[in-house]
Amino acid sequence: MQAIAVVWSGNVSGCWQIRYRGSDGLQRPTGEITVPAEVPETELVQYIADLCDEWATRSHREVVPLR
């Protein structure tokens, strides 16, 4: 399972920043996942699920929001 963080960054001309979350609590930018600024927060889970479906496994089939 790969945990990612999705953060709105208003200071970079309003865009979603996607970061890998490490087990040590640190985050690093992803290079391969981009989410357009036009995607509303309410649609993020589905958008990321569509992009990352190849990561799915039998035990981890869906994108689950972590707060």
PDB file of N, CA and C in Angstrom:
ATOM      1  N   MET A   1       0.848  -1.179   0.000  1.00  0.00           N
ATOM      2  CA  MET A   1       0.000   0.000   0.000  1.00  0.00           C
ATOM      3  C   MET A   1       0.889   1.236   0.000  1.00  0.00           C
ATOM      4  N   GLN A   2       0.541   2.215  -0.811  1.00  0.00           N
ATOM      5  CA  GLN A   2       1.299   3.463  -0.889  1.00  0.00           C
ATOM      6  C   GLN A   2       0.403   4.593  -0.395  1.00  0.00           C
ATOM      7  N   ALA A   3       0.805   5.247   0.671  1.00  0.00           N
ATOM      8  CA  ALA A   3       0.039   6.381   1.187  1.00  0.00           C
ATOM      9  C   ALA A   3       0.524   7.660   0.518  1.00  0.00           C
ATOM     10  N   ILE A   4      -0.426   8.481   0.103  1.00  0.00           N
ATOM     11  CA  ILE A   4      -0.092   9.780  -0.468  1.00  0.00           C
ATOM     12  C   ILE A   4      -0.869  10.853   0.271  1.00  0.00           C
ATOM     13  N   ALA A   5      -0.346  12.046   0.250  1.00  0.00           N
ATOM     14  CA  ALA A   5      -1.021  13.212   0.810  1.00  0.00           C
ATOM     15  C   ALA A   5      -1.391  14.128  -0.346  1.00  0.00           C
ATOM     16  N   VAL A   6      -2.594  14.669  -0.282  1.00  0.00           N
ATOM     17  CA  VAL A   6      -3.054  15.624  -1.285  1.00  0.00           C
ATOM     18  C   VAL A   6      -3.330  16.924  -0.548  1.00  0.00           C
ATOM     19  N   VAL A   7      -2.599  17.966  -0.930  1.00  0.00           N
ATOM     20  CA  VAL A   7      -2.657  19.229  -0.210  1.00  0.00           C
ATOM     21  C   VAL A   7      -2.937  20.365  -1.190  1.00  0.00           C
ATOM     22  N   TRP A   8      -3.894  21.224  -0.857  1.00  0.00           N
ATOM     23  CA  TRP A   8      -4.147  22.417  -1.672  1.00  0.00           C
ATOM     24  C   TRP A   8      -3.093  23.446  -1.341  1.00  0.00           C
ATOM     25  N   SER A   9      -2.459  23.962  -2.349  1.00  0.00           N
ATOM     26  CA  SER A   9      -1.426  24.972  -2.167  1.00  0.00           C
ATOM     27  C   SER A   9      -1.863  26.251  -2.846  1.00  0.00           C
ATOM     28  N   GLY A  10      -2.428  27.143  -2.085  1.00  0.00           N
ATOM     29  CA  GLY A  10      -2.897  28.410  -2.626  1.00  0.00           C
ATOM     30  C   GLY A  10      -1.773  29.347  -3.005  1.00  0.00           C
ATOM     31  N   ASN A  11      -0.579  29.122  -2.452  1.00  0.00           N
ATOM     32  CA  ASN A  11       0.523  30.039  -2.720  1.00  0.00           C
ATOM     33  C   ASN A  11       1.267  29.703  -4.009  1.00  0.00           C
ATOM     34  N   VAL A  12       0.924  28.590  -4.655  1.00  0.00           N
ATOM     35  CA  VAL A  12       1.565  28.234  -5.924  1.00  0.00           C
ATOM     36  C   VAL A  12       0.498  28.321  -7.012  1.00  0.00           C
ATOM     37  N   SER A  13      -0.044  29.470  -7.187  1.00  0.00           N
ATOM     38  CA  SER A  13      -1.102  29.749  -8.161  1.00  0.00           C
ATOM     39  C   SER A  13      -2.275  28.774  -8.058  1.00  0.00           C
ATOM     40  N   GLY A  14      -2.562  28.337  -6.866  1.00  0.00           N
ATOM     41  CA  GLY A  14      -3.707  27.467  -6.616  1.00  0.00           C
ATOM     42  C   GLY A  14      -3.614  26.129  -7.321  1.00  0.00           C
ATOM     43  N   CYS A  15      -2.997  25.148  -6.683  1.00  0.00           N
ATOM     44  CA  CYS A  15      -2.889  23.835  -7.291  1.00  0.00           C
ATOM     45  C   CYS A  15      -2.874  22.759  -6.207  1.00  0.00           C
ATOM     46  N   TRP A  16      -3.178  21.521  -6.620  1.00  0.00           N
ATOM     47  CA  TRP A  16      -3.077  20.377  -5.722  1.00  0.00           C
ATOM     48  C   TRP A  16      -1.650  19.865  -5.743  1.00  0.00           C
ATOM     49  N   GLN A  17      -1.073  19.671  -4.575  1.00  0.00           N
ATOM     50  CA  GLN A  17       0.256  19.075  -4.476  1.00  0.00           C
ATOM     51  C   GLN A  17       0.079  17.648  -3.975  1.00  0.00           C
ATOM     52  N   ILE A  18       0.684  16.692  -4.664  1.00  0.00           N
ATOM     53  CA  ILE A  18       0.591  15.289  -4.313  1.00  0.00           C
ATOM     54  C   ILE A  18       1.939  14.847  -3.762  1.00  0.00           C
ATOM     55  N   ARG A  19       1.929  14.236  -2.574  1.00  0.00           N
ATOM     56  CA  ARG A  19       3.177  13.835  -1.919  1.00  0.00           C
ATOM     57  C   ARG A  19       3.054  12.408  -1.415  1.00  0.00           C
ATOM     58  N   TYR A  20       4.157  11.652  -1.500  1.00  0.00           N
ATOM     59  CA  TYR A  20       4.219  10.348  -0.862  1.00  0.00           C
ATOM     60  C   TYR A  20       4.398  10.563   0.638  1.00  0.00           C
ATOM     61  N   ARG A  21       3.718   9.743   1.427  1.00  0.00           N
ATOM     62  CA  ARG A  21       3.869   9.804   2.881  1.00  0.00           C
ATOM     63  C   ARG A  21       4.712   8.623   3.324  1.00  0.00           C
ATOM     64  N   GLY A  22       5.856   8.905   3.911  1.00  0.00           N
ATOM     65  CA  GLY A  22       6.738   7.846   4.382  1.00  0.00           C
ATOM     66  C   GLY A  22       6.336   7.344   5.754  1.00  0.00           C
ATOM     67  N   SER A  23       6.803   6.163   6.125  1.00  0.00           N
ATOM     68  CA  SER A  23       6.496   5.601   7.442  1.00  0.00           C
ATOM     69  C   SER A  23       7.119   6.420   8.565  1.00  0.00           C
ATOM     70  N   ASP A  24       8.107   7.248   8.222  1.00  0.00           N
ATOM     71  CA  ASP A  24       8.752   8.108   9.207  1.00  0.00           C
ATOM     72  C   ASP A  24       8.024   9.437   9.394  1.00  0.00           C
ATOM     73  N   GLY A  25       6.908   9.619   8.676  1.00  0.00           N
ATOM     74  CA  GLY A  25       6.131  10.845   8.795  1.00  0.00           C
ATOM     75  C   GLY A  25       6.533  11.933   7.818  1.00  0.00           C
ATOM     76  N   LEU A  26       7.642  11.736   7.123  1.00  0.00           N
ATOM     77  CA  LEU A  26       8.090  12.730   6.152  1.00  0.00           C
ATOM     78  C   LEU A  26       7.336  12.558   4.837  1.00  0.00           C
ATOM     79  N   GLN A  27       7.232  13.640   4.100  1.00  0.00           N
ATOM     80  CA  GLN A  27       6.566  13.611   2.805  1.00  0.00           C
ATOM     81  C   GLN A  27       7.540  14.074   1.739  1.00  0.00           C
ATOM     82  N   ARG A  28       7.402  13.450   0.539  1.00  0.00           N
ATOM     83  CA  ARG A  28       8.222  13.880  -0.594  1.00  0.00           C
ATOM     84  C   ARG A  28       7.320  13.996  -1.808  1.00  0.00           C
ATOM     85  N   PRO A  29       7.616  14.920  -2.695  1.00  0.00           N
ATOM     86  CA  PRO A  29       6.757  15.119  -3.868  1.00  0.00           C
ATOM     87  C   PRO A  29       6.742  13.896  -4.779  1.00  0.00           C
ATOM     88  N   THR A  30       5.603  13.655  -5.381  1.00  0.00           N
ATOM     89  CA  THR A  30       5.519  12.631  -6.415  1.00  0.00           C
ATOM     90  C   THR A  30       5.804  13.315  -7.736  1.00  0.00           C
ATOM     91  N   GLY A  31       6.360  12.605  -8.642  1.00  0.00           N
ATOM     92  CA  GLY A  31       6.602  13.175  -9.953  1.00  0.00           C
ATOM     93  C   GLY A  31       5.588  12.711 -10.972  1.00  0.00           C
ATOM     94  N   GLU A  32       4.948  11.574 -10.682  1.00  0.00           N
ATOM     95  CA  GLU A  32       4.092  10.961 -11.690  1.00  0.00           C
ATOM     96  C   GLU A  32       2.601  11.205 -11.495  1.00  0.00           C
ATOM     97  N   ILE A  33       2.184  11.803 -10.397  1.00  0.00           N
ATOM     98  CA  ILE A  33       0.763  12.046 -10.166  1.00  0.00           C
ATOM     99  C   ILE A  33       0.505  13.543 -10.185  1.00  0.00           C
ATOM    100  N   THR A  34      -0.376  13.974 -11.059  1.00  0.00           N
ATOM    101  CA  THR A  34      -0.773  15.376 -11.080  1.00  0.00           C
ATOM    102  C   THR A  34      -2.294  15.457 -11.067  1.00  0.00           C
ATOM    103  N   VAL A  35      -2.790  16.438 -10.345  1.00  0.00           N
ATOM    104  CA  VAL A  35      -4.234  16.676 -10.271  1.00  0.00           C
ATOM    105  C   VAL A  35      -4.467  18.125 -10.674  1.00  0.00           C
ATOM    106  N   PRO A  36      -5.263  18.352 -11.703  1.00  0.00           N
ATOM    107  CA  PRO A  36      -5.526  19.724 -12.126  1.00  0.00           C
ATOM    108  C   PRO A  36      -6.223  20.529 -11.028  1.00  0.00           C
ATOM    109  N   ALA A  37      -5.958  21.800 -10.986  1.00  0.00           N
ATOM    110  CA  ALA A  37      -6.568  22.683  -9.988  1.00  0.00           C
ATOM    111  C   ALA A  37      -8.088  22.704 -10.102  1.00  0.00           C
ATOM    112  N   GLU A  38      -8.613  22.389 -11.283  1.00  0.00           N
ATOM    113  CA  GLU A  38     -10.051  22.442 -11.503  1.00  0.00           C
ATOM    114  C   GLU A  38     -10.806  21.305 -10.823  1.00  0.00           C
ATOM    115  N   VAL A  39     -10.101  20.260 -10.381  1.00  0.00           N
ATOM    116  CA  VAL A  39     -10.771  19.137  -9.709  1.00  0.00           C
ATOM    117  C   VAL A  39     -11.170  19.595  -8.308  1.00  0.00           C
ATOM    118  N   PRO A  40     -12.472  19.594  -8.000  1.00  0.00           N
ATOM    119  CA  PRO A  40     -12.900  20.027  -6.662  1.00  0.00           C
ATOM    120  C   PRO A  40     -12.543  18.986  -5.605  1.00  0.00           C
ATOM    121  N   GLU A  41     -12.415  19.438  -4.383  1.00  0.00           N
ATOM    122  CA  GLU A  41     -12.041  18.546  -3.282  1.00  0.00           C
ATOM    123  C   GLU A  41     -12.997  17.362  -3.156  1.00  0.00           C
ATOM    124  N   THR A  42     -14.262  17.591  -3.442  1.00  0.00           N
ATOM    125  CA  THR A  42     -15.263  16.524  -3.327  1.00  0.00           C
ATOM    126  C   THR A  42     -15.043  15.390  -4.333  1.00  0.00           C
ATOM    127  N   GLU A  43     -14.258  15.635  -5.383  1.00  0.00           N
ATOM    128  CA  GLU A  43     -14.008  14.616  -6.406  1.00  0.00           C
ATOM    129  C   GLU A  43     -12.585  14.043  -6.377  1.00  0.00           C
ATOM    130  N   LEU A  44     -11.785  14.453  -5.385  1.00  0.00           N
ATOM    131  CA  LEU A  44     -10.384  14.019  -5.326  1.00  0.00           C
ATOM    132  C   LEU A  44     -10.227  12.509  -5.183  1.00  0.00           C
ATOM    133  N   VAL A  45     -10.991  11.897  -4.301  1.00  0.00           N
ATOM    134  CA  VAL A  45     -10.835  10.458  -4.069  1.00  0.00           C
ATOM    135  C   VAL A  45     -11.063   9.679  -5.360  1.00  0.00           C
ATOM    136  N   GLN A  46     -12.135  10.000  -6.074  1.00  0.00           N
ATOM    137  CA  GLN A  46     -12.427   9.289  -7.312  1.00  0.00           C
ATOM    138  C   GLN A  46     -11.376   9.578  -8.377  1.00  0.00           C
ATOM    139  N   TYR A  47     -10.928  10.809  -8.475  1.00  0.00           N
ATOM    140  CA  TYR A  47      -9.919  11.177  -9.465  1.00  0.00           C
ATOM    141  C   TYR A  47      -8.623  10.395  -9.227  1.00  0.00           C
ATOM    142  N   ILE A  48      -8.173  10.345  -7.970  1.00  0.00           N
ATOM    143  CA  ILE A  48      -6.939   9.637  -7.646  1.00  0.00           C
ATOM    144  C   ILE A  48      -7.122   8.129  -7.822  1.00  0.00           C
ATOM    145  N   ALA A  49      -8.295   7.613  -7.480  1.00  0.00           N
ATOM    146  CA  ALA A  49      -8.566   6.186  -7.688  1.00  0.00           C
ATOM    147  C   ALA A  49      -8.457   5.826  -9.164  1.00  0.00           C
ATOM    148  N   ASP A  50      -8.976   6.678 -10.027  1.00  0.00           N
ATOM    149  CA  ASP A  50      -8.891   6.432 -11.473  1.00  0.00           C
ATOM    150  C   ASP A  50      -7.438   6.460 -11.961  1.00  0.00           C
ATOM    151  N   LEU A  51      -6.633   7.372 -11.412  1.00  0.00           N
ATOM    152  CA  LEU A  51      -5.226   7.468 -11.815  1.00  0.00           C
ATOM    153  C   LEU A  51      -4.386   6.308 -11.300  1.00  0.00           C
ATOM    154  N   CYS A  52      -4.686   5.830 -10.110  1.00  0.00           N
ATOM    155  CA  CYS A  52      -3.808   4.881  -9.427  1.00  0.00           C
ATOM    156  C   CYS A  52      -4.377   3.470  -9.368  1.00  0.00           C
ATOM    157  N   ASP A  53      -5.290   3.134 -10.242  1.00  0.00           N
ATOM    158  CA  ASP A  53      -5.916   1.815 -10.172  1.00  0.00           C
ATOM    159  C   ASP A  53      -4.916   0.677 -10.361  1.00  0.00           C
ATOM    160  N   GLU A  54      -3.784   0.917 -11.014  1.00  0.00           N
ATOM    161  CA  GLU A  54      -2.790  -0.143 -11.194  1.00  0.00           C
ATOM    162  C   GLU A  54      -2.074  -0.484  -9.892  1.00  0.00           C
ATOM    163  N   TRP A  55      -2.188   0.354  -8.872  1.00  0.00           N
ATOM    164  CA  TRP A  55      -1.602   0.053  -7.566  1.00  0.00           C
ATOM    165  C   TRP A  55      -2.480  -0.883  -6.745  1.00  0.00           C
ATOM    166  N   ALA A  56      -3.713  -1.090  -7.173  1.00  0.00           N
ATOM    167  CA  ALA A  56      -4.661  -1.897  -6.394  1.00  0.00           C
ATOM    168  C   ALA A  56      -4.164  -3.332  -6.254  1.00  0.00           C
ATOM    169  N   THR A  57      -4.408  -3.900  -5.087  1.00  0.00           N
ATOM    170  CA  THR A  57      -4.112  -5.301  -4.825  1.00  0.00           C
ATOM    171  C   THR A  57      -5.369  -5.948  -4.263  1.00  0.00           C
ATOM    172  N   ARG A  58      -5.315  -7.227  -4.070  1.00  0.00           N
ATOM    173  CA  ARG A  58      -6.479  -7.939  -3.538  1.00  0.00           C
ATOM    174  C   ARG A  58      -6.880  -7.399  -2.164  1.00  0.00           C
ATOM    175  N   SER A  59      -5.901  -7.051  -1.344  1.00  0.00           N
ATOM    176  CA  SER A  59      -6.207  -6.550  -0.001  1.00  0.00           C
ATOM    177  C   SER A  59      -6.351  -5.036   0.076  1.00  0.00           C
ATOM    178  N   HIS A  60      -5.917  -4.317  -0.955  1.00  0.00           N
ATOM    179  CA  HIS A  60      -6.023  -2.852  -0.997  1.00  0.00           C
ATOM    180  C   HIS A  60      -6.619  -2.458  -2.347  1.00  0.00           C
ATOM    181  N   ARG A  61      -7.934  -2.498  -2.406  1.00  0.00           N
ATOM    182  CA  ARG A  61      -8.629  -2.295  -3.679  1.00  0.00           C
ATOM    183  C   ARG A  61      -9.103  -0.878  -3.932  1.00  0.00           C
ATOM    184  N   GLU A  62      -9.122  -0.044  -2.909  1.00  0.00           N
ATOM    185  CA  GLU A  62      -9.737   1.264  -3.088  1.00  0.00           C
ATOM    186  C   GLU A  62      -8.920   2.374  -2.429  1.00  0.00           C
ATOM    187  N   VAL A  63      -9.188   3.591  -2.853  1.00  0.00           N
ATOM    188  CA  VAL A  63      -8.591   4.775  -2.253  1.00  0.00           C
ATOM    189  C   VAL A  63      -9.432   5.140  -1.043  1.00  0.00           C
ATOM    190  N   VAL A  64      -8.756   5.313   0.089  1.00  0.00           N
ATOM    191  CA  VAL A  64      -9.444   5.645   1.326  1.00  0.00           C
ATOM    192  C   VAL A  64      -8.860   6.953   1.861  1.00  0.00           C
ATOM    193  N   PRO A  65      -9.711   7.961   2.062  1.00  0.00           N
ATOM    194  CA  PRO A  65      -9.206   9.223   2.605  1.00  0.00           C
ATOM    195  C   PRO A  65      -8.754   9.062   4.061  1.00  0.00           C
ATOM    196  N   LEU A  66      -7.611   9.618   4.384  1.00  0.00           N
ATOM    197  CA  LEU A  66      -7.110   9.650   5.756  1.00  0.00           C
ATOM    198  C   LEU A  66      -7.129  11.097   6.201  1.00  0.00           C
ATOM    199  N   ARG A  67      -7.666  11.343   7.322  1.00  0.00           N
ATOM    200  CA  ARG A  67      -7.733  12.730   7.819  1.00  0.00           C
ATOM    201  C   ARG A  67      -6.699  12.981   8.874  1.00  0.00           C
TER     202      ARG A  67
END
